[in-house]
Amino acid sequence: KLPTCYTRELRDRPKFVECLTCRLGNIQSYTNQGISRLSDFFSESSRPQELTREWSFSSASTLKRFESPEDYKSDAFLKLVEKLEPSVRLAYLATRKWIEKEKIEALCLFNGRMDVTRGIYEAAQASNIPVVTHERSWFGDGIQLYPQVHCLSLKPVWEMVSTWANKPLTRKQALAAARTGAKRFLKMNLTEWRAYHLNSQSVSWPQSGPGPKVLILPSSSNEIWGHQDWSCQWPDILSGFEAVLDRLSPKSPNVVLRCHPNWGQNIGKQDGSHPERYYSQWAVKKGIHCIGSKDNVDTLDLIAQADIVLVSVSSAALEAGLLGKQIITVSPSNYHTAGFTINAHTKENLETMDSLKSREEVIRKTLRFVYTVSSRLPQYVDHVRAENAFGYKYFAGADPARFMKLFTERSLRADDDQFCSGEKEEDSVIQLLMEKKWKDVLNETTANKREAPDRVVRRPSYRWMDKLRSLAPVGDR
């Protein structure tokens, strides 16, 4: 009964197909008890509100994969915002009524940034009740649960990462983090929502000449655009890249820009032409060698050969960090407080580029970061285990009191709060990484024996859907 939604705008399938798919797969396929329908609380507001327009920005930005400042001033962006806003407004007003009628005291919801979920999230905030948003964790295990903020917020990440950046890992923890990284290098990271380079080819550094080898790895901004935590302090990302390059070696021919492989893939019906055009045209203008998104070049090979990796928010900083590279960031990210990057977020920060980090320090801090975002930040990591990008196993023993404390304390605790008194237990694992012994890392086993997983199943008449779902493309493909 919504005028439209993100999922319907994402693909060219008929409305009845998208709506039927959503209804078949929703919570009613698991239980028919205690369910309210949002449509029962719909009411019309006389005109769009500025706030609900703003809440539609993230969905509109992501749908068309906009990138440049000009994209966000375009009629295409503004028209899409106007199309999505009524659904956001309906969801917001209906949720306010639902909270009041049902006397809801706390709310947990998925995502919180996309159209209807954003309206629900904002309704909870306006009703002054505690709210927790949940999402898939980065590496699959556990559940991302953020109190009082939606899934784009970096505040819980910064706090957790900063807290644990200087606390040494036990050998077991270090190996767990190292395995997460090793799977990327061995192209086995199949529990991540998106995995790249799985069939890519090795390549030699495409440039030659004096100066450091600088690899630029830009990322799309469409999913994070408009959120203050991710806001770049440079006029734009390209201005940051230019300032760093001028500081490093303004006449160096040894600079390569690798367009993100994601830009060569469609998400729904939308290709990645906006970001690819934005960054590749800049590279041509600056005389920088540009490798296109559809080029089957192995980005990991380029990282391994680079002296410096220049990024905005690219997750490839993880691989660069595990290789001990000098990583320069030009904007806030989920890892810039971890201690393994050089952060040139303002003109004043450019001087920090003179303070190079040792290879061992970069690897050590990256390892701690990986463990934090894979095993401390997500909750119930031991009880929710990913089999692949969309399949999970669930194990008994999870403490529901931890979940309730997210509402009462409105703060996030580390799922694993153990650490080591010194760095000795990390050292042997770091040595394996310095020698790039990825297979040896995977062969080291520290896993605990587990009981058989619990089954979380749909109602009998809906169970056929999971078999059908396993044959279909994942999510937004």
Foldseek 3Di string as FASTA:
>chain_A
DFLDFLVPLQAPDDPVVSVVVDVLPDPVLAPPPPDDDLVVQFDDDPDFDPVLLLLAQLSLLVSQLAFDPVSCVDPSSSVSSVSLSRLLVRLLRSLLVVCVVVVDQEEEEEACRTRNSVSNLVNCVVVVHKYWYWDAFQLGFFIQIAIPDGDLDLVQLLVLLLVQLPFAAFLVLLLVLLLCLLCLVVVNSFQGLDHPLNPFDEDDQPDDDDFFQEEEEEDRCSNPPPPPLFDFPPPDQVSLVQLLCVLRPLPDQRYEYEYALQQCDRQHNHHNVNVQVVVVVVCVVSVHHYHYSPHRYRVLNSLLRGQEYEYAADPCVLSNLLQLHAYEYQTDYSCPSLPLYQYNRDSVSSVSVVVTDGSLSSNRSSSSSSSSSQQFSGAPRVAWGGPGHPDTFGADDHDCVQVVCCRVVVHGGTNDPDGDPDNVSNVVSSVCSNVPVSVVSVVDDDDDDGDHTDDSATPPVSRVVVVVVVVDDPDRD
